[in-house]
């Protein structure tokens, strides 16, 4: 029974860390885009919702893989912060490499093709990052 209590405490701490990482990630990602994420999502812009959702899913993948390889809470926070930074860099690099297509403008217009492309890139990069951190 004592082990069950410790396991439940670990799950609660892990969920707390995940929520902190997701809130910080949402804030960082929102500052990076040139449109208001919350406003676009509230208006029903599916592309904006898919894009933000994929970034948050990417963070969950990173946190999950890090938590699998370490049980140190500080390590989880540090590696998760690195994951946020790397995902921000992926967006900046992708935007830079596609000068004819401005990512923010396309997402704000509701371009689902761009959102799906970015979703695949972000999730793929998150899996690679998480694997490196394991």
C-alpha atoms as a PDB file:
ATOM      1  CA  UNK A   1       0.000   0.000   0.000  1.00  0.00           C
ATOM      2  CA  UNK A   2       2.923   2.337   0.735  1.00  0.00           C
ATOM      3  CA  UNK A   3       4.204   1.848  -2.834  1.00  0.00           C
ATOM      4  CA  UNK A   4       0.767   2.774  -4.195  1.00  0.00           C
ATOM      5  CA  UNK A   5       0.838   6.070  -2.304  1.00  0.00           C
ATOM      6  CA  UNK A   6       4.310   6.859  -3.652  1.00  0.00           C
ATOM      7  CA  UNK A   7       3.236   5.984  -7.191  1.00  0.00           C
ATOM      8  CA  UNK A   8       0.165   8.219  -6.918  1.00  0.00           C
ATOM      9  CA  UNK A   9       2.348  11.050  -5.620  1.00  0.00           C
ATOM     10  CA  UNK A  10       4.716  10.601  -8.573  1.00  0.00           C
ATOM     11  CA  UNK A  11       1.814  10.663 -11.019  1.00  0.00           C
ATOM     12  CA  UNK A  12       0.441  13.821  -9.414  1.00  0.00           C
ATOM     13  CA  UNK A  13       3.850  15.518  -9.527  1.00  0.00           C
ATOM     14  CA  UNK A  14       4.333  14.435 -13.135  1.00  0.00           C
ATOM     15  CA  UNK A  15       0.933  15.824 -14.125  1.00  0.00           C
ATOM     16  CA  UNK A  16       1.761  19.072 -12.342  1.00  0.00           C
ATOM     17  CA  UNK A  17       5.020  19.366 -14.259  1.00  0.00           C
ATOM     18  CA  UNK A  18       3.239  18.574 -17.520  1.00  0.00           C
ATOM     19  CA  UNK A  19       0.655  21.306 -16.869  1.00  0.00           C
ATOM     20  CA  UNK A  20       3.383  23.844 -16.080  1.00  0.00           C
ATOM     21  CA  UNK A  21       5.246  22.881 -19.267  1.00  0.00           C
ATOM     22  CA  UNK A  22       2.079  23.111 -21.384  1.00  0.00           C
ATOM     23  CA  UNK A  23       1.142  26.539 -19.984  1.00  0.00           C
ATOM     24  CA  UNK A  24       4.697  27.826 -20.528  1.00  0.00           C
ATOM     25  CA  UNK A  25       4.756  26.290 -24.007  1.00  0.00           C
ATOM     26  CA  UNK A  26       1.409  27.821 -24.938  1.00  0.00           C
ATOM     27  CA  UNK A  27       2.646  31.219 -23.758  1.00  0.00           C
ATOM     28  CA  UNK A  28       5.946  30.915 -25.674  1.00  0.00           C
ATOM     29  CA  UNK A  29       4.272  29.659 -28.854  1.00  0.00           C
ATOM     30  CA  UNK A  30       1.634  32.397 -28.685  1.00  0.00           C
ATOM     31  CA  UNK A  31       4.297  35.093 -28.431  1.00  0.00           C
ATOM     32  CA  UNK A  32       6.051  33.669 -31.486  1.00  0.00           C
ATOM     33  CA  UNK A  33       3.074  33.848 -33.839  1.00  0.00           C
ATOM     34  CA  UNK A  34       2.012  37.107 -35.456  1.00  0.00           C
ATOM     35  CA  UNK A  35      -1.663  36.453 -34.857  1.00  0.00           C
ATOM     36  CA  UNK A  36      -3.631  35.953 -31.648  1.00  0.00           C
ATOM     37  CA  UNK A  37      -3.838  32.176 -31.165  1.00  0.00           C
ATOM     38  CA  UNK A  38      -6.638  32.255 -28.612  1.00  0.00           C
ATOM     39  CA  UNK A  39      -8.701  34.639 -30.729  1.00  0.00           C
ATOM     40  CA  UNK A  40      -8.248  32.576 -33.895  1.00  0.00           C
ATOM     41  CA  UNK A  41      -9.119  29.341 -32.111  1.00  0.00           C
ATOM     42  CA  UNK A  42     -12.187  30.965 -30.491  1.00  0.00           C
ATOM     43  CA  UNK A  43     -13.328  32.097 -33.974  1.00  0.00           C
ATOM     44  CA  UNK A  44     -13.203  28.483 -35.120  1.00  0.00           C
ATOM     45  CA  UNK A  45     -10.002  28.663 -37.166  1.00  0.00           C
ATOM     46  CA  UNK A  46      -9.260  24.946 -37.444  1.00  0.00           C
ATOM     47  CA  UNK A  47      -5.780  25.546 -38.834  1.00  0.00           C
ATOM     48  CA  UNK A  48      -4.820  27.622 -35.775  1.00  0.00           C
ATOM     49  CA  UNK A  49      -6.266  24.981 -33.458  1.00  0.00           C
ATOM     50  CA  UNK A  50      -4.477  22.160 -35.241  1.00  0.00           C
ATOM     51  CA  UNK A  51      -1.193  24.039 -35.241  1.00  0.00           C
ATOM     52  CA  UNK A  52      -1.342  24.937 -31.527  1.00  0.00           C
ATOM     53  CA  UNK A  53      -2.581  21.462 -30.657  1.00  0.00           C
ATOM     54  CA  UNK A  54       0.323  19.872 -32.504  1.00  0.00           C
ATOM     55  CA  UNK A  55       2.834  22.044 -30.634  1.00  0.00           C
ATOM     56  CA  UNK A  56       1.279  21.059 -27.303  1.00  0.00           C
ATOM     57  CA  UNK A  57       1.160  17.395 -28.341  1.00  0.00           C
ATOM     58  CA  UNK A  58       4.831  17.676 -29.267  1.00  0.00           C
ATOM     59  CA  UNK A  59       5.585  18.953 -25.774  1.00  0.00           C
ATOM     60  CA  UNK A  60       3.639  16.049 -24.267  1.00  0.00           C
ATOM     61  CA  UNK A  61       5.717  13.620 -26.329  1.00  0.00           C
ATOM     62  CA  UNK A  62       8.937  15.232 -25.113  1.00  0.00           C
ATOM     63  CA  UNK A  63       7.833  15.270 -21.453  1.00  0.00           C
ATOM     64  CA  UNK A  64       6.657  11.666 -21.703  1.00  0.00           C
ATOM     65  CA  UNK A  65       9.929  10.437 -23.173  1.00  0.00           C
ATOM     66  CA  UNK A  66      11.992  12.415 -20.664  1.00  0.00           C
ATOM     67  CA  UNK A  67       9.931  11.117 -17.753  1.00  0.00           C
ATOM     68  CA  UNK A  68      10.510   7.584 -19.012  1.00  0.00           C
ATOM     69  CA  UNK A  69      14.276   8.033 -18.858  1.00  0.00           C
ATOM     70  CA  UNK A  70      14.599  10.073 -15.644  1.00  0.00           C
ATOM     71  CA  UNK A  71      12.762  10.347 -12.391  1.00  0.00           C
ATOM     72  CA  UNK A  72      14.377  13.630 -11.394  1.00  0.00           C
ATOM     73  CA  UNK A  73      11.748  16.361 -11.543  1.00  0.00           C
ATOM     74  CA  UNK A  74      14.289  19.100 -12.176  1.00  0.00           C
ATOM     75  CA  UNK A  75      15.656  17.165 -15.167  1.00  0.00           C
ATOM     76  CA  UNK A  76      12.133  16.885 -16.556  1.00  0.00           C
ATOM     77  CA  UNK A  77      11.620  20.638 -16.273  1.00  0.00           C
ATOM     78  CA  UNK A  78      14.986  21.476 -17.822  1.00  0.00           C
ATOM     79  CA  UNK A  79      14.628  19.095 -20.758  1.00  0.00           C
ATOM     80  CA  UNK A  80      11.043  20.218 -21.303  1.00  0.00           C
ATOM     81  CA  UNK A  81      12.201  23.843 -21.430  1.00  0.00           C
ATOM     82  CA  UNK A  82      14.776  22.788 -24.019  1.00  0.00           C
ATOM     83  CA  UNK A  83      11.962  21.106 -25.948  1.00  0.00           C
ATOM     84  CA  UNK A  84       9.973  24.365 -25.992  1.00  0.00           C
ATOM     85  CA  UNK A  85      13.013  26.233 -27.289  1.00  0.00           C
ATOM     86  CA  UNK A  86      13.707  23.653 -29.993  1.00  0.00           C
ATOM     87  CA  UNK A  87      10.086  23.621 -31.175  1.00  0.00           C
ATOM     88  CA  UNK A  88      10.176  27.424 -31.372  1.00  0.00           C
ATOM     89  CA  UNK A  89      13.362  27.171 -33.437  1.00  0.00           C
ATOM     90  CA  UNK A  90      11.717  24.628 -35.747  1.00  0.00           C
ATOM     91  CA  UNK A  91       8.950  27.140 -36.450  1.00  0.00           C
ATOM     92  CA  UNK A  92      11.442  29.975 -37.078  1.00  0.00           C
ATOM     93  CA  UNK A  93      13.580  27.821 -39.376  1.00  0.00           C
ATOM     94  CA  UNK A  94      10.553  26.544 -41.303  1.00  0.00           C
ATOM     95  CA  UNK A  95       9.248  30.092 -41.715  1.00  0.00           C
ATOM     96  CA  UNK A  96      12.699  31.225 -42.895  1.00  0.00           C
ATOM     97  CA  UNK A  97      13.056  28.351 -45.390  1.00  0.00           C
ATOM     98  CA  UNK A  98       9.669  29.064 -46.967  1.00  0.00           C
ATOM     99  CA  UNK A  99       9.876  32.772 -47.857  1.00  0.00           C
ATOM    100  CA  UNK A 100       7.120  32.549 -50.479  1.00  0.00           C
ATOM    101  CA  UNK A 101       4.699  31.177 -47.897  1.00  0.00           C
ATOM    102  CA  UNK A 102       4.391  33.083 -44.632  1.00  0.00           C
ATOM    103  CA  UNK A 103       3.316  30.480 -42.101  1.00  0.00           C
ATOM    104  CA  UNK A 104       1.486  32.868 -39.750  1.00  0.00           C
ATOM    105  CA  UNK A 105      -0.482  34.442 -42.575  1.00  0.00           C
ATOM    106  CA  UNK A 106      -1.521  31.054 -43.946  1.00  0.00           C
ATOM    107  CA  UNK A 107      -2.577  29.730 -40.543  1.00  0.00           C
ATOM    108  CA  UNK A 108      -4.503  32.947 -39.807  1.00  0.00           C
ATOM    109  CA  UNK A 109      -6.307  32.453 -43.142  1.00  0.00           C
ATOM    110  CA  UNK A 110      -7.252  28.934 -42.075  1.00  0.00           C
ATOM    111  CA  UNK A 111      -5.002  27.085 -44.533  1.00  0.00           C
ATOM    112  CA  UNK A 112      -5.368  23.482 -43.323  1.00  0.00           C
ATOM    113  CA  UNK A 113      -2.726  22.165 -45.739  1.00  0.00           C
ATOM    114  CA  UNK A 114      -0.070  24.313 -44.044  1.00  0.00           C
ATOM    115  CA  UNK A 115      -1.369  23.348 -40.596  1.00  0.00           C
ATOM    116  CA  UNK A 116      -1.189  19.640 -41.450  1.00  0.00           C
ATOM    117  CA  UNK A 117       2.319  19.989 -42.855  1.00  0.00           C
ATOM    118  CA  UNK A 118       3.465  21.792 -39.704  1.00  0.00           C
ATOM    119  CA  UNK A 119       1.709  19.223 -37.522  1.00  0.00           C
ATOM    120  CA  UNK A 120       3.700  16.430 -39.128  1.00  0.00           C
ATOM    121  CA  UNK A 121       6.977  18.310 -38.823  1.00  0.00           C
ATOM    122  CA  UNK A 122       6.388  19.246 -35.183  1.00  0.00           C
ATOM    123  CA  UNK A 123       5.332  15.777 -34.081  1.00  0.00           C
ATOM    124  CA  UNK A 124       8.220  14.175 -35.980  1.00  0.00           C
ATOM    125  CA  UNK A 125      10.741  16.583 -34.479  1.00  0.00           C
ATOM    126  CA  UNK A 126       9.268  16.025 -31.006  1.00  0.00           C
ATOM    127  CA  UNK A 127       9.740  12.268 -31.332  1.00  0.00           C
ATOM    128  CA  UNK A 128      13.344  12.772 -32.437  1.00  0.00           C
ATOM    129  CA  UNK A 129      14.025  15.251 -29.603  1.00  0.00           C
ATOM    130  CA  UNK A 130      12.442  12.936 -27.068  1.00  0.00           C
ATOM    131  CA  UNK A 131      14.522  10.024 -28.336  1.00  0.00           C
ATOM    132  CA  UNK A 132      17.724  12.048 -28.011  1.00  0.00           C
ATOM    133  CA  UNK A 133      16.801  12.976 -24.444  1.00  0.00           C
ATOM    134  CA  UNK A 134      16.125   9.388 -23.368  1.00  0.00           C
END
